[in-house]
PDB file of N, CA and C in Angstrom:
ATOM      1  N   MET A   1       1.124  -1.189   0.099  1.00  0.00           N
ATOM      2  CA  MET A   1      -0.262  -0.708   0.276  1.00  0.00           C
ATOM      3  C   MET A   1       0.772   0.748   0.245  1.00  0.00           C
ATOM      4  N   VAL A   2       1.234   1.462  -0.697  1.00  0.00           N
ATOM      5  CA  VAL A   2       1.366   3.122  -0.760  1.00  0.00           C
ATOM      6  C   VAL A   2       1.508   4.252  -0.252  1.00  0.00           C
ATOM      7  N   THR A   3       0.116   4.273   0.302  1.00  0.00           N
ATOM      8  CA  THR A   3      -0.461   5.621   1.641  1.00  0.00           C
ATOM      9  C   THR A   3       0.458   4.963   2.523  1.00  0.00           C
ATOM     10  N   ALA A   4       0.483   3.687   3.290  1.00  0.00           N
ATOM     11  CA  ALA A   4       1.372   3.485   4.424  1.00  0.00           C
ATOM     12  C   ALA A   4       2.676   3.632   4.654  1.00  0.00           C
ATOM     13  N   ALA A   5       3.396   3.065   2.976  1.00  0.00           N
ATOM     14  CA  ALA A   5       4.497   3.648   2.836  1.00  0.00           C
ATOM     15  C   ALA A   5       5.396   5.188   3.208  1.00  0.00           C
ATOM     16  N   PHE A   6       4.660   5.624   2.098  1.00  0.00           N
ATOM     17  CA  PHE A   6       4.157   7.486   2.388  1.00  0.00           C
ATOM     18  C   PHE A   6       4.516   7.684   4.298  1.00  0.00           C
ATOM     19  N   TRP A   7       3.650   7.144   4.805  1.00  0.00           N
ATOM     20  CA  TRP A   7       3.661   7.670   6.106  1.00  0.00           C
ATOM     21  C   TRP A   7       4.738   7.036   6.754  1.00  0.00           C
ATOM     22  N   GLN A   8       5.443   5.747   6.489  1.00  0.00           N
ATOM     23  CA  GLN A   8       6.973   5.179   7.454  1.00  0.00           C
ATOM     24  C   GLN A   8       7.681   5.952   6.557  1.00  0.00           C
ATOM     25  N   ALA A   9       8.119   6.091   5.073  1.00  0.00           N
ATOM     26  CA  ALA A   9       8.990   7.493   5.328  1.00  0.00           C
ATOM     27  C   ALA A   9       8.952   8.522   5.605  1.00  0.00           C
ATOM     28  N   CYS A  10       8.144   9.427   6.006  1.00  0.00           N
ATOM     29  CA  CYS A  10       7.496  10.697   6.812  1.00  0.00           C
ATOM     30  C   CYS A  10       8.213  10.432   8.394  1.00  0.00           C
ATOM     31  N   HIS A  11       8.468   9.094   9.011  1.00  0.00           N
ATOM     32  CA  HIS A  11       8.243   8.761   9.840  1.00  0.00           C
ATOM     33  C   HIS A  11       9.481   8.777  10.241  1.00  0.00           C
ATOM     34  N   GLY A  12      10.395   7.672   9.441  1.00  0.00           N
ATOM     35  CA  GLY A  12      11.863   7.811   9.130  1.00  0.00           C
ATOM     36  C   GLY A  12      12.316   9.784   7.850  1.00  0.00           C
ATOM     37  N   GLY A  13      11.734  10.776   8.304  1.00  0.00           N
ATOM     38  CA  GLY A  13      12.203  11.392   7.900  1.00  0.00           C
ATOM     39  C   GLY A  13      12.358  11.280   6.699  1.00  0.00           C
ATOM     40  N   GLN A  14      12.120  11.163   5.685  1.00  0.00           N
ATOM     41  CA  GLN A  14      13.150  10.515   4.077  1.00  0.00           C
ATOM     42  C   GLN A  14      12.037  11.309   3.481  1.00  0.00           C
ATOM     43  N   GLN A  15      12.354  12.888   3.186  1.00  0.00           N
ATOM     44  CA  GLN A  15      11.664  13.811   2.177  1.00  0.00           C
ATOM     45  C   GLN A  15      11.092  13.183   0.722  1.00  0.00           C
ATOM     46  N   ARG A  16      12.833  12.193   0.156  1.00  0.00           N
ATOM     47  CA  ARG A  16      12.499  12.004  -1.211  1.00  0.00           C
ATOM     48  C   ARG A  16      12.261  10.585  -1.314  1.00  0.00           C
ATOM     49  N   THR A  17      12.367  10.120  -0.316  1.00  0.00           N
ATOM     50  CA  THR A  17      11.664   8.756  -0.368  1.00  0.00           C
ATOM     51  C   THR A  17       9.470   9.305  -0.430  1.00  0.00           C
ATOM     52  N   ALA A  18       9.359  10.058   0.802  1.00  0.00           N
ATOM     53  CA  ALA A  18       8.024  10.431   0.617  1.00  0.00           C
ATOM     54  C   ALA A  18       7.941  11.044  -0.479  1.00  0.00           C
ATOM     55  N   GLU A  19       8.344  12.035  -1.546  1.00  0.00           N
ATOM     56  CA  GLU A  19       8.526  13.094  -2.935  1.00  0.00           C
ATOM     57  C   GLU A  19       7.948  11.722  -3.596  1.00  0.00           C
ATOM     58  N   TYR A  20       8.564  10.693  -3.461  1.00  0.00           N
ATOM     59  CA  TYR A  20       8.579   9.958  -4.615  1.00  0.00           C
ATOM     60  C   TYR A  20       7.009   8.737  -4.485  1.00  0.00           C
ATOM     61  N   LEU A  21       6.487   8.029  -3.434  1.00  0.00           N
ATOM     62  CA  LEU A  21       5.371   7.969  -3.123  1.00  0.00           C
ATOM     63  C   LEU A  21       4.089   8.246  -3.070  1.00  0.00           C
ATOM     64  N   LEU A  22       4.405  10.008  -3.463  1.00  0.00           N
ATOM     65  CA  LEU A  22       3.130  10.977  -3.233  1.00  0.00           C
ATOM     66  C   LEU A  22       3.124  11.257  -4.434  1.00  0.00           C
ATOM     67  N   ASP A  23       4.013  11.008  -5.067  1.00  0.00           N
ATOM     68  CA  ASP A  23       4.143  10.980  -7.152  1.00  0.00           C
ATOM     69  C   ASP A  23       2.813  10.182  -7.389  1.00  0.00           C
ATOM     70  N   LYS A  24       3.158   9.007  -6.289  1.00  0.00           N
ATOM     71  CA  LYS A  24       2.634   7.666  -7.110  1.00  0.00           C
ATOM     72  C   LYS A  24       1.306   7.119  -6.524  1.00  0.00           C
ATOM     73  N   GLY A  25       0.732   8.335  -5.718  1.00  0.00           N
ATOM     74  CA  GLY A  25      -1.130   8.467  -5.656  1.00  0.00           C
ATOM     75  C   GLY A  25      -0.670   8.591  -4.174  1.00  0.00           C
ATOM     76  N   ALA A  26      -0.447   8.053  -3.241  1.00  0.00           N
ATOM     77  CA  ALA A  26       0.008   8.476  -1.742  1.00  0.00           C
ATOM     78  C   ALA A  26      -1.440   9.126  -0.971  1.00  0.00           C
ATOM     79  N   ASP A  27      -2.865   9.112  -0.305  1.00  0.00           N
ATOM     80  CA  ASP A  27      -2.816   9.928   0.653  1.00  0.00           C
ATOM     81  C   ASP A  27      -2.092  10.954   1.931  1.00  0.00           C
ATOM     82  N   VAL A  28      -1.861  11.734   1.541  1.00  0.00           N
ATOM     83  CA  VAL A  28      -1.298  12.887   2.473  1.00  0.00           C
ATOM     84  C   VAL A  28      -2.047  12.938   4.005  1.00  0.00           C
ATOM     85  N   ASP A  29      -3.003  13.038   3.365  1.00  0.00           N
ATOM     86  CA  ASP A  29      -3.849  12.742   5.160  1.00  0.00           C
ATOM     87  C   ASP A  29      -4.105  12.053   5.588  1.00  0.00           C
ATOM     88  N   TRP A  30      -3.532  10.511   5.785  1.00  0.00           N
ATOM     89  CA  TRP A  30      -3.855   9.049   5.970  1.00  0.00           C
ATOM     90  C   TRP A  30      -3.628   9.170   7.252  1.00  0.00           C
ATOM     91  N   ILE A  31      -5.226   8.823   7.953  1.00  0.00           N
ATOM     92  CA  ILE A  31      -4.753   8.519   9.605  1.00  0.00           C
ATOM     93  C   ILE A  31      -3.913   7.586  10.197  1.00  0.00           C
ATOM     94  N   GLY A  32      -3.085   7.031  10.285  1.00  0.00           N
ATOM     95  CA  GLY A  32      -2.139   5.583   9.891  1.00  0.00           C
ATOM     96  C   GLY A  32      -1.740   5.672  11.899  1.00  0.00           C
ATOM     97  N   TYR A  33      -0.677   4.881  12.236  1.00  0.00           N
ATOM     98  CA  TYR A  33      -0.688   4.013  13.323  1.00  0.00           C
ATOM     99  C   TYR A  33      -0.666   5.438  13.766  1.00  0.00           C
ATOM    100  N   GLY A  34      -0.861   4.900  15.346  1.00  0.00           N
ATOM    101  CA  GLY A  34      -1.108   5.677  16.158  1.00  0.00           C
ATOM    102  C   GLY A  34      -2.207   6.915  15.832  1.00  0.00           C
ATOM    103  N   SER A  35      -3.098   6.379  15.251  1.00  0.00           N
ATOM    104  CA  SER A  35      -4.135   8.133  14.905  1.00  0.00           C
ATOM    105  C   SER A  35      -3.467   9.517  14.684  1.00  0.00           C
ATOM    106  N   GLN A  36      -2.283   8.861  13.899  1.00  0.00           N
ATOM    107  CA  GLN A  36      -2.159  10.626  13.276  1.00  0.00           C
ATOM    108  C   GLN A  36      -1.312   9.935  11.916  1.00  0.00           C
ATOM    109  N   THR A  37      -1.455  11.961  11.183  1.00  0.00           N
ATOM    110  CA  THR A  37      -1.176  12.093  10.180  1.00  0.00           C
ATOM    111  C   THR A  37       0.296  12.006   9.573  1.00  0.00           C
ATOM    112  N   ALA A  38       1.017  11.244   8.321  1.00  0.00           N
ATOM    113  CA  ALA A  38       2.217  11.992   7.840  1.00  0.00           C
ATOM    114  C   ALA A  38       2.638  13.145   8.515  1.00  0.00           C
ATOM    115  N   LEU A  39       1.634  13.863   8.714  1.00  0.00           N
ATOM    116  CA  LEU A  39       2.289  15.550   9.214  1.00  0.00           C
ATOM    117  C   LEU A  39       2.848  15.246  10.799  1.00  0.00           C
ATOM    118  N   ASP A  40       1.538  14.951  11.381  1.00  0.00           N
ATOM    119  CA  ASP A  40       2.114  14.215  12.861  1.00  0.00           C
ATOM    120  C   ASP A  40       2.845  13.974  12.891  1.00  0.00           C
ATOM    121  N   ILE A  41       3.614  12.559  12.501  1.00  0.00           N
ATOM    122  CA  ILE A  41       4.952  11.205  12.704  1.00  0.00           C
ATOM    123  C   ILE A  41       5.923  12.658  12.077  1.00  0.00           C
ATOM    124  N   ALA A  42       5.580  13.005  11.247  1.00  0.00           N
ATOM    125  CA  ALA A  42       6.864  13.929  10.843  1.00  0.00           C
ATOM    126  C   ALA A  42       7.652  14.955  12.165  1.00  0.00           C
ATOM    127  N   ARG A  43       6.130  16.000  12.179  1.00  0.00           N
ATOM    128  CA  ARG A  43       6.481  16.127  13.362  1.00  0.00           C
ATOM    129  C   ARG A  43       7.249  15.802  14.362  1.00  0.00           C
ATOM    130  N   ARG A  44       6.615  14.569  15.071  1.00  0.00           N
ATOM    131  CA  ARG A  44       7.016  14.115  16.252  1.00  0.00           C
ATOM    132  C   ARG A  44       9.087  13.419  16.015  1.00  0.00           C
ATOM    133  N   SER A  45       9.051  13.362  14.951  1.00  0.00           N
ATOM    134  CA  SER A  45      10.307  12.707  14.339  1.00  0.00           C
ATOM    135  C   SER A  45      11.708  14.499  14.502  1.00  0.00           C
ATOM    136  N   ASN A  46      11.161  15.185  14.185  1.00  0.00           N
ATOM    137  CA  ASN A  46      11.121  16.571  14.557  1.00  0.00           C
ATOM    138  C   ASN A  46      11.970  16.822  12.905  1.00  0.00           C
ATOM    139  N   ALA A  47      11.736  16.396  12.177  1.00  0.00           N
ATOM    140  CA  ALA A  47      11.694  16.497  10.526  1.00  0.00           C
ATOM    141  C   ALA A  47      11.226  18.106  10.282  1.00  0.00           C
ATOM    142  N   ASP A  48      11.665  19.359  10.675  1.00  0.00           N
ATOM    143  CA  ASP A  48      11.452  20.599   9.849  1.00  0.00           C
ATOM    144  C   ASP A  48      11.359  20.266   8.279  1.00  0.00           C
ATOM    145  N   GLU A  49      12.346  20.604   7.458  1.00  0.00           N
ATOM    146  CA  GLU A  49      11.741  20.210   6.746  1.00  0.00           C
ATOM    147  C   GLU A  49      10.965  19.683   6.263  1.00  0.00           C
ATOM    148  N   LEU A  50      11.109  18.243   6.145  1.00  0.00           N
ATOM    149  CA  LEU A  50       9.498  16.955   5.307  1.00  0.00           C
ATOM    150  C   LEU A  50       8.258  17.957   5.828  1.00  0.00           C
ATOM    151  N   VAL A  51       8.476  18.424   7.366  1.00  0.00           N
ATOM    152  CA  VAL A  51       6.954  18.782   7.621  1.00  0.00           C
ATOM    153  C   VAL A  51       6.812  20.433   6.940  1.00  0.00           C
ATOM    154  N   GLU A  52       7.802  20.936   6.430  1.00  0.00           N
ATOM    155  CA  GLU A  52       7.572  22.695   5.688  1.00  0.00           C
ATOM    156  C   GLU A  52       7.052  21.961   4.111  1.00  0.00           C
ATOM    157  N   TRP A  53       7.292  20.366   3.741  1.00  0.00           N
ATOM    158  CA  TRP A  53       7.002  20.399   2.163  1.00  0.00           C
ATOM    159  C   TRP A  53       5.473  20.085   2.452  1.00  0.00           C
ATOM    160  N   LEU A  54       5.385  18.928   3.892  1.00  0.00           N
ATOM    161  CA  LEU A  54       3.834  17.926   3.903  1.00  0.00           C
ATOM    162  C   LEU A  54       2.835  19.316   3.660  1.00  0.00           C
ATOM    163  N   ARG A  55       3.288  20.305   4.684  1.00  0.00           N
ATOM    164  CA  ARG A  55       2.713  21.628   4.713  1.00  0.00           C
ATOM    165  C   ARG A  55       2.763  22.531   3.654  1.00  0.00           C
ATOM    166  N   ASP A  56       2.875  22.398   2.809  1.00  0.00           N
ATOM    167  CA  ASP A  56       2.929  22.973   1.274  1.00  0.00           C
ATOM    168  C   ASP A  56       2.437  21.935   0.327  1.00  0.00           C
ATOM    169  N   ARG A  57       2.745  21.149   0.601  1.00  0.00           N
ATOM    170  CA  ARG A  57       1.785  20.211  -0.056  1.00  0.00           C
ATOM    171  C   ARG A  57      -0.362  19.701   0.520  1.00  0.00           C
ATOM    172  N   GLY A  58      -0.212  20.902   1.108  1.00  0.00           N
ATOM    173  CA  GLY A  58      -1.958  20.619   2.048  1.00  0.00           C
ATOM    174  C   GLY A  58      -1.672  19.287   3.532  1.00  0.00           C
ATOM    175  N   ALA A  59      -0.532  19.072   3.318  1.00  0.00           N
ATOM    176  CA  ALA A  59      -0.805  18.110   4.522  1.00  0.00           C
ATOM    177  C   ALA A  59      -1.625  19.142   6.147  1.00  0.00           C
ATOM    178  N   ARG A  60      -2.162  17.941   6.899  1.00  0.00           N
ATOM    179  CA  ARG A  60      -3.253  18.396   7.798  1.00  0.00           C
ATOM    180  C   ARG A  60      -2.688  17.392   8.617  1.00  0.00           C
ATOM    181  N   SER A  61      -2.962  18.012  10.116  1.00  0.00           N
ATOM    182  CA  SER A  61      -2.688  17.085  11.510  1.00  0.00           C
ATOM    183  C   SER A  61      -3.945  16.155  11.507  1.00  0.00           C
ATOM    184  N   SER A  62      -3.914  15.685  11.744  1.00  0.00           N
ATOM    185  CA  SER A  62      -5.106  14.358  12.281  1.00  0.00           C
ATOM    186  C   SER A  62      -6.683  14.633  12.881  1.00  0.00           C
ATOM    187  N   ASP A  63      -6.024  16.313  13.720  1.00  0.00           N
ATOM    188  CA  ASP A  63      -7.137  16.840  14.668  1.00  0.00           C
ATOM    189  C   ASP A  63      -7.965  18.037  13.650  1.00  0.00           C
ATOM    190  N   GLU A  64      -6.915  17.923  12.114  1.00  0.00           N
ATOM    191  CA  GLU A  64      -7.416  19.437  11.504  1.00  0.00           C
ATOM    192  C   GLU A  64      -8.387  18.005  10.805  1.00  0.00           C
ATOM    193  N   VAL A  65      -8.135  16.758  10.694  1.00  0.00           N
ATOM    194  CA  VAL A  65      -8.221  15.828   9.060  1.00  0.00           C
ATOM    195  C   VAL A  65     -10.150  16.163  10.287  1.00  0.00           C
ATOM    196  N   GLN A  66      -9.408  15.046  11.740  1.00  0.00           N
ATOM    197  CA  GLN A  66     -10.583  15.035  11.333  1.00  0.00           C
ATOM    198  C   GLN A  66     -11.645  16.395  12.247  1.00  0.00           C
ATOM    199  N   GLY A  67     -11.656  17.690  12.506  1.00  0.00           N
ATOM    200  CA  GLY A  67     -12.407  18.442  12.458  1.00  0.00           C
ATOM    201  C   GLY A  67     -12.321  18.674  13.865  1.00  0.00           C
ATOM    202  N   ASN A  68     -11.170  19.094  14.734  1.00  0.00           N
ATOM    203  CA  ASN A  68     -10.874  19.145  16.166  1.00  0.00           C
ATOM    204  C   ASN A  68     -10.264  20.472  15.939  1.00  0.00           C
TER     205      ASN A  68
END
């Protein structure tokens, strides 16, 4: 599943891999493991450049996705 791989790439701070997977159709706002989006997990991993890149692509936190 491309979206789960994208989420994992963001967890690991792997922006180039995340870029590739997003181009392949990953859901940028998928709420995955621990009820977190890719943006949430990139923040937790202190991947600041990746967080900025995700935001530039419209990524939202799980709270934003769920309307909290």
